[in-house]
Full PDB file with SEQRES, HELIX, SHEET, SSBOND, CRYST1, ORIGX, SCALE, CONECT and MASTER records, all heavy atoms in Angstrom:
SEQRES   1 A   31  GLU GLU ARG ALA VAL ASP VAL TYR ARG ALA TYR GLU GLU          
SEQRES   2 A   31  LEU LEU ARG GLN ARG GLU LEU PRO ILE GLN LEU SER GLY          
SEQRES   3 A   31  LEU LEU LYS GLU GLU                                          
HELIX    1 AA1 GLU A    2  GLN A   17  1                                  16    
HELIX    2 AA2 SER A   25  GLU A   30  1                                   6    
CRYST1    1.000    1.000    1.000  90.00  90.00  90.00 P 1           1          
ORIGX1      1.000000  0.000000  0.000000        0.00000                         
ORIGX2      0.000000  1.000000  0.000000        0.00000                         
ORIGX3      0.000000  0.000000  1.000000        0.00000                         
SCALE1      1.000000  0.000000  0.000000        0.00000                         
SCALE2      0.000000  1.000000  0.000000        0.00000                         
SCALE3      0.000000  0.000000  1.000000        0.00000                         
ATOM      1  N   GLU A   1       2.446  -3.865  13.131  1.00  0.00           N  
ATOM      2  CA  GLU A   1       1.556  -3.051  12.375  1.00  0.00           C  
ATOM      3  C   GLU A   1       2.329  -1.829  11.897  1.00  0.00           C  
ATOM      4  O   GLU A   1       2.036  -1.320  10.729  1.00  0.00           O  
ATOM      5  CB  GLU A   1       0.373  -2.637  13.197  1.00  0.00           C  
ATOM      6  CG  GLU A   1      -0.554  -3.780  13.698  1.00  0.00           C  
ATOM      7  CD  GLU A   1      -1.378  -4.379  12.567  1.00  0.00           C  
ATOM      8  OE1 GLU A   1      -1.105  -4.035  11.365  1.00  0.00           O  
ATOM      9  OE2 GLU A   1      -2.265  -5.154  12.857  1.00  0.00           O  
ATOM     10  N   GLU A   2       3.179  -1.268  12.730  1.00  0.00           N  
ATOM     11  CA  GLU A   2       3.943  -0.043  12.330  1.00  0.00           C  
ATOM     12  C   GLU A   2       4.806  -0.417  11.154  1.00  0.00           C  
ATOM     13  O   GLU A   2       4.889   0.363  10.147  1.00  0.00           O  
ATOM     14  CB  GLU A   2       4.733   0.454  13.490  1.00  0.00           C  
ATOM     15  CG  GLU A   2       5.429   1.809  13.230  1.00  0.00           C  
ATOM     16  CD  GLU A   2       6.201   2.272  14.409  1.00  0.00           C  
ATOM     17  OE1 GLU A   2       6.815   1.432  15.168  1.00  0.00           O  
ATOM     18  OE2 GLU A   2       6.288   3.529  14.587  1.00  0.00           O  
ATOM     19  N   ARG A   3       5.503  -1.513  11.161  1.00  0.00           N  
ATOM     20  CA  ARG A   3       6.328  -1.907  10.062  1.00  0.00           C  
ATOM     21  C   ARG A   3       5.451  -2.190   8.804  1.00  0.00           C  
ATOM     22  O   ARG A   3       5.823  -1.801   7.657  1.00  0.00           O  
ATOM     23  CB  ARG A   3       7.087  -3.213  10.378  1.00  0.00           C  
ATOM     24  CG  ARG A   3       8.191  -3.056  11.451  1.00  0.00           C  
ATOM     25  CD  ARG A   3       9.380  -2.445  10.866  1.00  0.00           C  
ATOM     26  NE  ARG A   3      10.517  -2.392  11.825  1.00  0.00           N  
ATOM     27  CZ  ARG A   3      11.689  -1.821  11.567  1.00  0.00           C  
ATOM     28  NH1 ARG A   3      11.845  -1.197  10.378  1.00  0.00           N  
ATOM     29  NH2 ARG A   3      12.587  -1.775  12.471  1.00  0.00           N  
ATOM     30  N   ALA A   4       4.342  -2.865   9.003  1.00  0.00           N  
ATOM     31  CA  ALA A   4       3.446  -3.198   7.887  1.00  0.00           C  
ATOM     32  C   ALA A   4       2.949  -1.914   7.161  1.00  0.00           C  
ATOM     33  O   ALA A   4       2.961  -1.815   5.958  1.00  0.00           O  
ATOM     34  CB  ALA A   4       2.272  -3.999   8.359  1.00  0.00           C  
ATOM     35  N   VAL A   5       2.531  -0.927   7.953  1.00  0.00           N  
ATOM     36  CA  VAL A   5       2.055   0.268   7.364  1.00  0.00           C  
ATOM     37  C   VAL A   5       3.156   0.968   6.543  1.00  0.00           C  
ATOM     38  O   VAL A   5       2.965   1.481   5.430  1.00  0.00           O  
ATOM     39  CB  VAL A   5       1.475   1.297   8.477  1.00  0.00           C  
ATOM     40  CG1 VAL A   5       1.319   2.686   7.898  1.00  0.00           C  
ATOM     41  CG2 VAL A   5       0.165   0.726   9.012  1.00  0.00           C  
ATOM     42  N   ASP A   6       4.372   0.928   7.058  1.00  0.00           N  
ATOM     43  CA  ASP A   6       5.539   1.583   6.410  1.00  0.00           C  
ATOM     44  C   ASP A   6       5.746   0.855   5.096  1.00  0.00           C  
ATOM     45  O   ASP A   6       5.937   1.521   4.042  1.00  0.00           O  
ATOM     46  CB  ASP A   6       6.747   1.445   7.281  1.00  0.00           C  
ATOM     47  CG  ASP A   6       7.805   2.525   7.013  1.00  0.00           C  
ATOM     48  OD1 ASP A   6       7.414   3.705   6.848  1.00  0.00           O  
ATOM     49  OD2 ASP A   6       8.991   2.207   7.014  1.00  0.00           O  
ATOM     50  N   VAL A   7       5.729  -0.405   5.088  1.00  0.00           N  
ATOM     51  CA  VAL A   7       5.970  -1.222   3.833  1.00  0.00           C  
ATOM     52  C   VAL A   7       4.844  -1.043   2.832  1.00  0.00           C  
ATOM     53  O   VAL A   7       5.032  -0.828   1.683  1.00  0.00           O  
ATOM     54  CB  VAL A   7       6.116  -2.751   4.195  1.00  0.00           C  
ATOM     55  CG1 VAL A   7       6.145  -3.611   2.891  1.00  0.00           C  
ATOM     56  CG2 VAL A   7       7.427  -2.980   5.016  1.00  0.00           C  
ATOM     57  N   TYR A   8       3.568  -1.144   3.314  1.00  0.00           N  
ATOM     58  CA  TYR A   8       2.467  -1.044   2.408  1.00  0.00           C  
ATOM     59  C   TYR A   8       2.322   0.294   1.784  1.00  0.00           C  
ATOM     60  O   TYR A   8       1.891   0.429   0.647  1.00  0.00           O  
ATOM     61  CB  TYR A   8       1.132  -1.375   3.197  1.00  0.00           C  
ATOM     62  CG  TYR A   8       1.064  -2.827   3.685  1.00  0.00           C  
ATOM     63  CD1 TYR A   8       0.158  -3.181   4.655  1.00  0.00           C  
ATOM     64  CD2 TYR A   8       1.891  -3.828   3.111  1.00  0.00           C  
ATOM     65  CE1 TYR A   8       0.074  -4.497   5.061  1.00  0.00           C  
ATOM     66  CE2 TYR A   8       1.802  -5.106   3.622  1.00  0.00           C  
ATOM     67  CZ  TYR A   8       0.834  -5.450   4.547  1.00  0.00           C  
ATOM     68  OH  TYR A   8       0.796  -6.718   4.991  1.00  0.00           O  
ATOM     69  N   ARG A   9       2.688   1.344   2.449  1.00  0.00           N  
ATOM     70  CA  ARG A   9       2.641   2.684   1.871  1.00  0.00           C  
ATOM     71  C   ARG A   9       3.635   2.823   0.742  1.00  0.00           C  
ATOM     72  O   ARG A   9       3.318   3.363  -0.360  1.00  0.00           O  
ATOM     73  CB  ARG A   9       2.934   3.745   2.927  1.00  0.00           C  
ATOM     74  CG  ARG A   9       1.774   4.050   3.848  1.00  0.00           C  
ATOM     75  CD  ARG A   9       2.184   5.070   4.923  1.00  0.00           C  
ATOM     76  NE  ARG A   9       1.064   5.376   5.815  1.00  0.00           N  
ATOM     77  CZ  ARG A   9       1.195   5.950   7.016  1.00  0.00           C  
ATOM     78  NH1 ARG A   9       2.349   6.305   7.456  1.00  0.00           N  
ATOM     79  NH2 ARG A   9       0.107   6.263   7.737  1.00  0.00           N  
ATOM     80  N   ALA A  10       4.847   2.281   0.954  1.00  0.00           N  
ATOM     81  CA  ALA A  10       5.863   2.346  -0.105  1.00  0.00           C  
ATOM     82  C   ALA A  10       5.408   1.446  -1.285  1.00  0.00           C  
ATOM     83  O   ALA A  10       5.600   1.828  -2.438  1.00  0.00           O  
ATOM     84  CB  ALA A  10       7.170   1.911   0.447  1.00  0.00           C  
ATOM     85  N   TYR A  11       4.898   0.257  -0.978  1.00  0.00           N  
ATOM     86  CA  TYR A  11       4.407  -0.619  -2.055  1.00  0.00           C  
ATOM     87  C   TYR A  11       3.252  -0.040  -2.816  1.00  0.00           C  
ATOM     88  O   TYR A  11       3.227  -0.066  -4.056  1.00  0.00           O  
ATOM     89  CB  TYR A  11       3.990  -1.918  -1.305  1.00  0.00           C  
ATOM     90  CG  TYR A  11       3.517  -3.070  -2.233  1.00  0.00           C  
ATOM     91  CD1 TYR A  11       4.072  -3.248  -3.511  1.00  0.00           C  
ATOM     92  CD2 TYR A  11       2.599  -3.981  -1.729  1.00  0.00           C  
ATOM     93  CE1 TYR A  11       3.631  -4.347  -4.292  1.00  0.00           C  
ATOM     94  CE2 TYR A  11       2.153  -5.005  -2.504  1.00  0.00           C  
ATOM     95  CZ  TYR A  11       2.681  -5.177  -3.748  1.00  0.00           C  
ATOM     96  OH  TYR A  11       2.266  -6.308  -4.580  1.00  0.00           O  
ATOM     97  N   GLU A  12       2.325   0.541  -2.141  1.00  0.00           N  
ATOM     98  CA  GLU A  12       1.166   1.221  -2.744  1.00  0.00           C  
ATOM     99  C   GLU A  12       1.586   2.266  -3.684  1.00  0.00           C  
ATOM    100  O   GLU A  12       1.039   2.442  -4.833  1.00  0.00           O  
ATOM    101  CB  GLU A  12       0.185   1.735  -1.684  1.00  0.00           C  
ATOM    102  CG  GLU A  12      -0.900   2.646  -2.165  1.00  0.00           C  
ATOM    103  CD  GLU A  12      -2.056   1.911  -2.882  1.00  0.00           C  
ATOM    104  OE1 GLU A  12      -1.961   0.697  -3.033  1.00  0.00           O  
ATOM    105  OE2 GLU A  12      -3.041   2.580  -3.209  1.00  0.00           O  
ATOM    106  N   GLU A  13       2.523   3.122  -3.330  1.00  0.00           N  
ATOM    107  CA  GLU A  13       2.983   4.230  -4.134  1.00  0.00           C  
ATOM    108  C   GLU A  13       3.565   3.712  -5.531  1.00  0.00           C  
ATOM    109  O   GLU A  13       3.269   4.260  -6.543  1.00  0.00           O  
ATOM    110  CB  GLU A  13       4.104   4.967  -3.448  1.00  0.00           C  
ATOM    111  CG  GLU A  13       4.643   6.169  -4.265  1.00  0.00           C  
ATOM    112  CD  GLU A  13       5.696   6.974  -3.490  1.00  0.00           C  
ATOM    113  OE1 GLU A  13       5.933   6.632  -2.334  1.00  0.00           O  
ATOM    114  OE2 GLU A  13       6.304   7.895  -4.075  1.00  0.00           O  
ATOM    115  N   LEU A  14       4.319   2.589  -5.403  1.00  0.00           N  
ATOM    116  CA  LEU A  14       4.880   2.054  -6.700  1.00  0.00           C  
ATOM    117  C   LEU A  14       3.835   1.359  -7.535  1.00  0.00           C  
ATOM    118  O   LEU A  14       3.856   1.419  -8.778  1.00  0.00           O  
ATOM    119  CB  LEU A  14       6.026   1.041  -6.334  1.00  0.00           C  
ATOM    120  CG  LEU A  14       7.324   1.698  -5.787  1.00  0.00           C  
ATOM    121  CD1 LEU A  14       8.281   0.619  -5.468  1.00  0.00           C  
ATOM    122  CD2 LEU A  14       7.881   2.667  -6.808  1.00  0.00           C  
ATOM    123  N   LEU A  15       2.861   0.710  -6.847  1.00  0.00           N  
ATOM    124  CA  LEU A  15       1.724   0.129  -7.565  1.00  0.00           C  
ATOM    125  C   LEU A  15       0.933   1.106  -8.440  1.00  0.00           C  
ATOM    126  O   LEU A  15       0.593   0.923  -9.554  1.00  0.00           O  
ATOM    127  CB  LEU A  15       0.814  -0.600  -6.629  1.00  0.00           C  
ATOM    128  CG  LEU A  15       1.306  -1.877  -5.940  1.00  0.00           C  
ATOM    129  CD1 LEU A  15       0.391  -2.331  -4.845  1.00  0.00           C  
ATOM    130  CD2 LEU A  15       1.514  -3.024  -6.949  1.00  0.00           C  
ATOM    131  N   ARG A  16       0.750   2.317  -7.794  1.00  0.00           N  
ATOM    132  CA  ARG A  16       0.003   3.381  -8.494  1.00  0.00           C  
ATOM    133  C   ARG A  16       0.838   3.951  -9.665  1.00  0.00           C  
ATOM    134  O   ARG A  16       0.255   4.263 -10.746  1.00  0.00           O  
ATOM    135  CB  ARG A  16      -0.369   4.474  -7.502  1.00  0.00           C  
ATOM    136  CG  ARG A  16      -1.248   4.014  -6.350  1.00  0.00           C  
ATOM    137  CD  ARG A  16      -2.708   3.798  -6.751  1.00  0.00           C  
ATOM    138  NE  ARG A  16      -2.850   2.653  -7.693  1.00  0.00           N  
ATOM    139  CZ  ARG A  16      -2.855   1.356  -7.347  1.00  0.00           C  
ATOM    140  NH1 ARG A  16      -2.588   1.036  -6.077  1.00  0.00           N  
ATOM    141  NH2 ARG A  16      -2.987   0.380  -8.206  1.00  0.00           N  
ATOM    142  N   GLN A  17       2.114   4.135  -9.443  1.00  0.00           N  
ATOM    143  CA  GLN A  17       3.002   4.621 -10.468  1.00  0.00           C  
ATOM    144  C   GLN A  17       2.991   3.727 -11.714  1.00  0.00           C  
ATOM    145  O   GLN A  17       2.997   4.213 -12.810  1.00  0.00           O  
ATOM    146  CB  GLN A  17       4.368   4.826  -9.955  1.00  0.00           C  
ATOM    147  CG  GLN A  17       4.535   5.963  -8.940  1.00  0.00           C  
ATOM    148  CD  GLN A  17       6.005   6.006  -8.427  1.00  0.00           C  
ATOM    149  OE1 GLN A  17       6.844   5.313  -8.818  1.00  0.00           O  
ATOM    150  NE2 GLN A  17       6.155   6.922  -7.402  1.00  0.00           N  
ATOM    151  N   ARG A  18       2.954   2.405 -11.456  1.00  0.00           N  
ATOM    152  CA  ARG A  18       3.026   1.444 -12.558  1.00  0.00           C  
ATOM    153  C   ARG A  18       1.642   1.005 -13.032  1.00  0.00           C  
ATOM    154  O   ARG A  18       1.507   0.163 -13.945  1.00  0.00           O  
ATOM    155  CB  ARG A  18       3.865   0.255 -12.083  1.00  0.00           C  
ATOM    156  CG  ARG A  18       5.284   0.608 -11.843  1.00  0.00           C  
ATOM    157  CD  ARG A  18       6.031  -0.517 -11.070  1.00  0.00           C  
ATOM    158  NE  ARG A  18       7.369  -0.105 -10.789  1.00  0.00           N  
ATOM    159  CZ  ARG A  18       8.419  -0.477 -11.460  1.00  0.00           C  
ATOM    160  NH1 ARG A  18       8.335  -1.220 -12.479  1.00  0.00           N  
ATOM    161  NH2 ARG A  18       9.626  -0.037 -11.088  1.00  0.00           N  
ATOM    162  N   GLU A  19       0.571   1.531 -12.414  1.00  0.00           N  
ATOM    163  CA  GLU A  19      -0.745   1.245 -12.795  1.00  0.00           C  
ATOM    164  C   GLU A  19      -1.065  -0.249 -12.734  1.00  0.00           C  
ATOM    165  O   GLU A  19      -1.779  -0.846 -13.565  1.00  0.00           O  
ATOM    166  CB  GLU A  19      -1.141   1.803 -14.202  1.00  0.00           C  
ATOM    167  CG  GLU A  19      -1.004   3.323 -14.242  1.00  0.00           C  
ATOM    168  CD  GLU A  19      -1.411   3.811 -15.621  1.00  0.00           C  
ATOM    169  OE1 GLU A  19      -1.531   3.046 -16.570  1.00  0.00           O  
ATOM    170  OE2 GLU A  19      -1.530   5.126 -15.728  1.00  0.00           O  
ATOM    171  N   LEU A  20      -0.602  -0.867 -11.668  1.00  0.00           N  
ATOM    172  CA  LEU A  20      -0.828  -2.316 -11.479  1.00  0.00           C  
ATOM    173  C   LEU A  20      -2.144  -2.496 -10.742  1.00  0.00           C  
ATOM    174  O   LEU A  20      -2.579  -1.659  -9.980  1.00  0.00           O  
ATOM    175  CB  LEU A  20       0.311  -2.972 -10.692  1.00  0.00           C  
ATOM    176  CG  LEU A  20       1.584  -3.035 -11.488  1.00  0.00           C  
ATOM    177  CD1 LEU A  20       2.784  -3.472 -10.574  1.00  0.00           C  
ATOM    178  CD2 LEU A  20       1.489  -4.051 -12.585  1.00  0.00           C  
ATOM    179  N   PRO A  21      -2.853  -3.639 -10.969  1.00  0.00           N  
ATOM    180  CA  PRO A  21      -4.218  -3.821 -10.456  1.00  0.00           C  
ATOM    181  C   PRO A  21      -4.298  -4.233  -9.053  1.00  0.00           C  
ATOM    182  O   PRO A  21      -5.145  -5.105  -8.679  1.00  0.00           O  
ATOM    183  CB  PRO A  21      -4.690  -4.906 -11.415  1.00  0.00           C  
ATOM    184  CG  PRO A  21      -3.542  -5.770 -11.701  1.00  0.00           C  
ATOM    185  CD  PRO A  21      -2.412  -4.827 -11.810  1.00  0.00           C  
ATOM    186  N   ILE A  22      -3.499  -3.722  -8.185  1.00  0.00           N  
ATOM    187  CA  ILE A  22      -3.548  -4.013  -6.715  1.00  0.00           C  
ATOM    188  C   ILE A  22      -3.684  -2.667  -6.009  1.00  0.00           C  
ATOM    189  O   ILE A  22      -2.823  -1.822  -6.266  1.00  0.00           O  
ATOM    190  CB  ILE A  22      -2.366  -4.814  -6.211  1.00  0.00           C  
ATOM    191  CG1 ILE A  22      -2.233  -6.079  -7.046  1.00  0.00           C  
ATOM    192  CG2 ILE A  22      -2.453  -5.117  -4.737  1.00  0.00           C  
ATOM    193  CD1 ILE A  22      -0.936  -6.858  -6.733  1.00  0.00           C  
ATOM    194  N   GLN A  23      -4.683  -2.601  -5.168  1.00  0.00           N  
ATOM    195  CA  GLN A  23      -4.826  -1.327  -4.354  1.00  0.00           C  
ATOM    196  C   GLN A  23      -4.863  -1.684  -2.911  1.00  0.00           C  
ATOM    197  O   GLN A  23      -5.631  -2.579  -2.497  1.00  0.00           O  
ATOM    198  CB  GLN A  23      -6.079  -0.578  -4.820  1.00  0.00           C  
ATOM    199  CG  GLN A  23      -6.042  -0.157  -6.246  1.00  0.00           C  
ATOM    200  CD  GLN A  23      -7.242   0.734  -6.589  1.00  0.00           C  
ATOM    201  OE1 GLN A  23      -7.676   1.465  -5.746  1.00  0.00           O  
ATOM    202  NE2 GLN A  23      -7.678   0.639  -7.817  1.00  0.00           N  
ATOM    203  N   LEU A  24      -4.091  -0.928  -2.134  1.00  0.00           N  
ATOM    204  CA  LEU A  24      -3.972  -1.277  -0.673  1.00  0.00           C  
ATOM    205  C   LEU A  24      -4.591  -0.168   0.201  1.00  0.00           C  
ATOM    206  O   LEU A  24      -4.412  -0.219   1.404  1.00  0.00           O  
ATOM    207  CB  LEU A  24      -2.466  -1.341  -0.338  1.00  0.00           C  
ATOM    208  CG  LEU A  24      -1.604  -2.333  -1.123  1.00  0.00           C  
ATOM    209  CD1 LEU A  24      -0.188  -2.383  -0.617  1.00  0.00           C  
ATOM    210  CD2 LEU A  24      -2.203  -3.767  -1.127  1.00  0.00           C  
ATOM    211  N   SER A  25      -5.380   0.714  -0.367  1.00  0.00           N  
ATOM    212  CA  SER A  25      -5.896   1.804   0.478  1.00  0.00           C  
ATOM    213  C   SER A  25      -6.765   1.326   1.593  1.00  0.00           C  
ATOM    214  O   SER A  25      -6.689   1.765   2.678  1.00  0.00           O  
ATOM    215  CB  SER A  25      -6.662   2.848  -0.393  1.00  0.00           C  
ATOM    216  OG  SER A  25      -7.717   2.121  -1.132  1.00  0.00           O  
ATOM    217  N   GLY A  26      -7.698   0.380   1.276  1.00  0.00           N  
ATOM    218  CA  GLY A  26      -8.571  -0.147   2.282  1.00  0.00           C  
ATOM    219  C   GLY A  26      -7.801  -0.893   3.359  1.00  0.00           C  
ATOM    220  O   GLY A  26      -8.102  -0.799   4.563  1.00  0.00           O  
ATOM    221  N   LEU A  27      -6.896  -1.741   2.935  1.00  0.00           N  
ATOM    222  CA  LEU A  27      -6.100  -2.531   3.881  1.00  0.00           C  
ATOM    223  C   LEU A  27      -5.310  -1.608   4.747  1.00  0.00           C  
ATOM    224  O   LEU A  27      -5.179  -1.827   5.997  1.00  0.00           O  
ATOM    225  CB  LEU A  27      -5.151  -3.463   3.086  1.00  0.00           C  
ATOM    226  CG  LEU A  27      -4.369  -4.486   3.843  1.00  0.00           C  
ATOM    227  CD1 LEU A  27      -4.233  -5.749   3.031  1.00  0.00           C  
ATOM    228  CD2 LEU A  27      -2.996  -3.963   4.160  1.00  0.00           C  
ATOM    229  N   LEU A  28      -4.735  -0.528   4.212  1.00  0.00           N  
ATOM    230  CA  LEU A  28      -3.944   0.421   4.994  1.00  0.00           C  
ATOM    231  C   LEU A  28      -4.809   1.040   6.098  1.00  0.00           C  
ATOM    232  O   LEU A  28      -4.362   1.187   7.284  1.00  0.00           O  
ATOM    233  CB  LEU A  28      -3.332   1.483   4.136  1.00  0.00           C  
ATOM    234  CG  LEU A  28      -1.964   1.171   3.575  1.00  0.00           C  
ATOM    235  CD1 LEU A  28      -1.584   2.184   2.409  1.00  0.00           C  
ATOM    236  CD2 LEU A  28      -0.917   1.299   4.651  1.00  0.00           C  
ATOM    237  N   LYS A  29      -6.063   1.367   5.736  1.00  0.00           N  
ATOM    238  CA  LYS A  29      -6.933   1.959   6.734  1.00  0.00           C  
ATOM    239  C   LYS A  29      -7.141   1.028   7.880  1.00  0.00           C  
ATOM    240  O   LYS A  29      -7.213   1.427   9.085  1.00  0.00           O  
ATOM    241  CB  LYS A  29      -8.266   2.362   6.126  1.00  0.00           C  
ATOM    242  CG  LYS A  29      -8.181   3.548   5.200  1.00  0.00           C  
ATOM    243  CD  LYS A  29      -9.551   3.803   4.576  1.00  0.00           C  
ATOM    244  CE  LYS A  29      -9.458   5.048   3.593  1.00  0.00           C  
ATOM    245  NZ  LYS A  29     -10.791   5.323   2.946  1.00  0.00           N  
ATOM    246  N   GLU A  30      -7.337  -0.268   7.659  1.00  0.00           N  
ATOM    247  CA  GLU A  30      -7.533  -1.284   8.677  1.00  0.00           C  
ATOM    248  C   GLU A  30      -6.269  -1.414   9.565  1.00  0.00           C  
ATOM    249  O   GLU A  30      -6.398  -1.559  10.763  1.00  0.00           O  
ATOM    250  CB  GLU A  30      -7.959  -2.600   8.055  1.00  0.00           C  
ATOM    251  CG  GLU A  30      -9.353  -2.590   7.501  1.00  0.00           C  
ATOM    252  CD  GLU A  30      -9.824  -3.988   7.040  1.00  0.00           C  
ATOM    253  OE1 GLU A  30      -8.995  -4.915   7.011  1.00  0.00           O  
ATOM    254  OE2 GLU A  30     -11.046  -4.121   6.806  1.00  0.00           O  
ATOM    255  N   GLU A  31      -5.150  -1.431   8.885  1.00  0.00           N  
ATOM    256  CA  GLU A  31      -3.884  -1.590   9.708  1.00  0.00           C  
ATOM    257  C   GLU A  31      -3.660  -0.327  10.604  1.00  0.00           C  
ATOM    258  O   GLU A  31      -3.284  -0.476  11.761  1.00  0.00           O  
ATOM    259  CB  GLU A  31      -2.645  -1.765   8.768  1.00  0.00           C  
ATOM    260  CG  GLU A  31      -2.694  -2.963   7.884  1.00  0.00           C  
ATOM    261  CD  GLU A  31      -2.543  -4.253   8.635  1.00  0.00           C  
ATOM    262  OE1 GLU A  31      -2.772  -4.309   9.899  1.00  0.00           O  
ATOM    263  OE2 GLU A  31      -2.202  -5.298   8.041  1.00  0.00           O  
TER     264      GLU A  31                                                      
MASTER        0    0    0    2    0    0    0    6  263    1    0    3          
END                                                                             
């Protein structure tokens, strides 16, 4: 889970910068 949160945060930041239609905020909260 610690690794996953680290990866998902970095992935989410790039998704938002590129305005891609995937959002990980809810998934991150669960992890």
